[in-house]
Amino acid sequence: MSDIVKQLGPEAPIQVNERGGQQSAIPVRCDLLPPKAILEVAATLAPAAIKYGEDNWRKIPRKDHLNHALAHIFAHLAGDDADDHLNHAACRLLFAMETL
């Protein structure tokens, strides 16, 4: 489990807001994630989950995820528009971050 995830548990310190509301303090800013990009990644994953299986990506080494991400990035930079290359690259980079 990552250090960040551990900080989201029941031992997280309590913070009090200006109105006296109390809640766990968290070290992340999920509100800053780009929602349209996250939805695009999720949309890319839907047909892939049907084609390959929902958790198939977990069986693929990090090196392969990085290679595929780079291939998609280079295809995008080369002007190929036959695929949503940036969406696929984002998926593969996220997979690489999760893969041991």
Protein backbone atom coordinates (compact mmCIF):
# COMPACT_ATOMS: atom_id res chain seq x y z
CA MET A 1 0.00 0.00 0.00
CA SER A 2 1.36 3.42 -0.88
CA ASP A 3 2.25 6.00 1.76
CA ILE A 4 -0.43 8.31 0.38
CA VAL A 5 -3.15 5.68 0.74
CA LYS A 6 -2.02 5.00 4.31
CA GLN A 7 -2.50 8.70 5.09
CA LEU A 8 -6.17 8.42 4.11
CA GLY A 9 -6.94 5.90 6.89
CA PRO A 10 -8.49 6.23 10.32
CA GLU A 11 -5.24 7.53 11.82
CA ALA A 12 -5.26 10.68 9.67
CA PRO A 13 -5.07 13.87 11.71
CA ILE A 14 -8.27 15.85 12.21
CA GLN A 15 -8.61 19.32 10.77
CA VAL A 16 -11.16 21.95 11.78
CA ASN A 17 -12.52 24.45 9.25
CA GLU A 18 -13.55 28.06 9.87
CA ARG A 19 -17.13 27.01 10.77
CA GLY A 20 -15.95 24.44 13.28
CA GLY A 21 -16.51 21.45 11.01
CA GLN A 22 -14.14 18.57 11.66
CA GLN A 23 -12.86 16.00 9.21
CA SER A 24 -9.80 13.96 8.44
CA ALA A 25 -6.96 15.92 6.87
CA ILE A 26 -5.90 14.40 3.57
CA PRO A 27 -2.65 15.03 1.66
CA VAL A 28 -4.22 14.82 -1.80
CA ARG A 29 -6.07 17.25 -4.06
CA CYS A 30 -8.45 15.11 -6.08
CA ASP A 31 -10.44 18.27 -6.84
CA LEU A 32 -7.57 19.41 -9.08
CA LEU A 33 -7.74 16.41 -11.41
CA PRO A 34 -8.92 17.31 -14.92
CA PRO A 35 -12.41 15.76 -15.07
CA LYS A 36 -12.73 15.65 -18.87
CA ALA A 37 -9.37 13.87 -19.22
CA ILE A 38 -10.26 11.38 -16.47
CA LEU A 39 -13.57 10.64 -18.21
CA GLU A 40 -11.73 10.16 -21.53
CA VAL A 41 -9.42 7.63 -19.90
CA ALA A 42 -12.42 5.83 -18.37
CA ALA A 43 -14.13 5.78 -21.77
CA THR A 44 -11.00 4.28 -23.34
CA LEU A 45 -10.93 1.56 -20.69
CA ALA A 46 -14.54 0.41 -21.25
CA PRO A 47 -14.05 -1.37 -24.62
CA ALA A 48 -10.56 -2.54 -23.59
CA ALA A 49 -12.04 -4.28 -20.53
CA ILE A 50 -14.41 -6.19 -22.82
CA LYS A 51 -11.66 -7.06 -25.30
CA TYR A 52 -8.91 -8.07 -22.84
CA GLY A 53 -10.66 -8.53 -19.48
CA GLU A 54 -11.13 -6.03 -16.67
CA ASP A 55 -7.88 -6.59 -14.81
CA ASN A 56 -5.72 -7.95 -17.61
CA TRP A 57 -3.47 -4.90 -17.36
CA ARG A 58 -2.30 -6.12 -13.95
CA LYS A 59 -0.69 -9.14 -15.65
CA ILE A 60 1.48 -6.95 -17.90
CA PRO A 61 4.93 -5.76 -16.75
CA ARG A 62 5.57 -2.07 -16.16
CA LYS A 63 8.17 -2.03 -18.96
CA ASP A 64 5.51 -3.13 -21.48
CA HIS A 65 3.06 -0.49 -20.29
CA LEU A 66 5.74 2.17 -20.71
CA ASN A 67 6.65 0.89 -24.18
CA HIS A 68 3.02 1.01 -25.31
CA ALA A 69 2.56 4.49 -23.78
CA LEU A 70 5.59 5.75 -25.69
CA ALA A 71 4.38 4.15 -28.93
CA HIS A 72 1.05 5.96 -28.56
CA ILE A 73 2.79 9.25 -27.77
CA PHE A 74 5.07 8.91 -30.78
CA ALA A 75 2.13 7.99 -33.04
CA HIS A 76 0.31 11.11 -31.84
CA LEU A 77 3.39 13.27 -32.42
CA ALA A 78 3.77 11.77 -35.90
CA GLY A 79 0.27 13.01 -36.72
CA ASP A 80 -1.58 9.69 -36.71
CA ASP A 81 -5.23 10.17 -35.87
CA ALA A 82 -6.41 6.59 -36.42
CA ASP A 83 -6.65 6.09 -32.65
CA ASP A 84 -7.07 8.20 -29.51
CA HIS A 85 -3.36 7.90 -28.85
CA LEU A 86 -3.19 10.31 -25.92
CA ASN A 87 -6.03 8.50 -24.14
CA HIS A 88 -4.30 5.16 -24.63
CA ALA A 89 -0.96 6.61 -23.52
CA ALA A 90 -2.58 8.02 -20.38
CA CYS A 91 -4.09 4.61 -19.59
CA ARG A 92 -0.74 2.88 -20.02
CA LEU A 93 1.06 5.45 -17.88
CA LEU A 94 -1.51 5.03 -15.12
CA PHE A 95 -1.12 1.27 -15.37
CA ALA A 96 2.67 1.64 -15.15
CA MET A 97 2.29 3.73 -12.00
CA GLU A 98 0.17 0.99 -10.40
CA THR A 99 2.24 -1.97 -11.61
CA LEU A 100 5.07 -3.31 -9.51
